[in-house]
């Protein structure tokens, strides 16, 4: 059975590879986000907490970038 693009056209192997790569990045970023949330909860030093929160913000930005990339691939 051939997988299909949402428009009904057959999905290309390149497109599938790009989606899998984006999904892998998404999973990695989500894992990092969870680890950061757990770490932030255990940090008592305000400077360290602020640094971790800034890093968490970067992870959120990366997740948004991945979302945009996936949407671009799917189109």
Protein backbone atom coordinates (compact mmCIF):
# COMPACT_ATOMS: atom_id res chain seq x y z
CA UNK A 1 0.00 0.00 0.00
CA UNK A 2 1.38 3.39 -0.98
CA UNK A 3 1.21 6.13 1.62
CA UNK A 4 -0.35 9.32 0.42
CA UNK A 5 0.23 13.00 0.88
CA UNK A 6 -2.79 14.82 2.41
CA UNK A 7 -3.62 16.09 -1.09
CA UNK A 8 -4.00 12.50 -2.27
CA UNK A 9 -0.69 12.35 -4.14
CA UNK A 10 1.71 9.52 -3.27
CA UNK A 11 4.25 10.58 -0.64
CA UNK A 12 7.86 10.58 -1.82
CA UNK A 13 10.64 8.75 -0.05
CA UNK A 14 12.44 12.07 0.37
CA UNK A 15 9.36 13.59 1.96
CA UNK A 16 9.03 10.63 4.30
CA UNK A 17 12.69 10.93 5.28
CA UNK A 18 12.27 14.65 5.97
CA UNK A 19 9.19 14.02 8.11
CA UNK A 20 10.99 11.29 10.07
CA UNK A 21 13.98 13.60 10.63
CA UNK A 22 11.70 16.40 11.82
CA UNK A 23 9.82 13.97 14.08
CA UNK A 24 13.13 12.81 15.56
CA UNK A 25 14.10 16.42 16.30
CA UNK A 26 10.68 17.02 17.83
CA UNK A 27 11.03 14.00 20.14
CA UNK A 28 14.52 15.08 21.21
CA UNK A 29 13.40 18.63 21.90
CA UNK A 30 10.39 17.41 23.87
CA UNK A 31 12.66 15.20 26.00
CA UNK A 32 14.99 18.12 26.64
CA UNK A 33 12.04 20.31 27.57
CA UNK A 34 10.82 17.79 30.12
CA UNK A 35 14.31 17.38 31.59
CA UNK A 36 14.65 21.16 31.88
CA UNK A 37 11.31 21.49 33.62
CA UNK A 38 12.37 18.87 36.14
CA UNK A 39 15.75 20.54 36.66
CA UNK A 40 14.22 23.99 37.12
CA UNK A 41 12.03 22.62 39.89
CA UNK A 42 15.09 21.39 41.83
CA UNK A 43 17.31 24.46 41.47
CA UNK A 44 17.37 26.83 44.43
CA UNK A 45 19.98 29.31 43.16
CA UNK A 46 18.17 32.14 41.35
CA UNK A 47 20.95 32.70 38.80
CA UNK A 48 20.97 29.03 37.85
CA UNK A 49 17.19 28.98 37.70
CA UNK A 50 17.18 32.02 35.38
CA UNK A 51 19.77 30.36 33.13
CA UNK A 52 17.70 27.18 32.94
CA UNK A 53 14.55 29.14 32.20
CA UNK A 54 16.36 30.95 29.37
CA UNK A 55 17.48 27.60 28.01
CA UNK A 56 13.91 26.31 28.27
CA UNK A 57 12.82 29.31 26.21
CA UNK A 58 15.31 28.32 23.53
CA UNK A 59 13.88 24.79 23.52
CA UNK A 60 10.40 26.21 23.02
CA UNK A 61 11.70 28.30 20.12
CA UNK A 62 13.27 25.18 18.60
CA UNK A 63 9.98 23.30 18.95
CA UNK A 64 8.26 26.09 17.04
CA UNK A 65 10.94 25.90 14.32
CA UNK A 66 10.36 22.14 14.04
CA UNK A 67 6.61 22.65 13.83
CA UNK A 68 7.05 25.12 10.97
CA UNK A 69 9.44 22.74 9.19
CA UNK A 70 6.99 19.85 9.48
CA UNK A 71 4.17 21.99 8.13
CA UNK A 72 6.39 23.06 5.22
CA UNK A 73 7.29 19.42 4.44
CA UNK A 74 3.67 18.32 4.54
CA UNK A 75 2.60 20.99 2.02
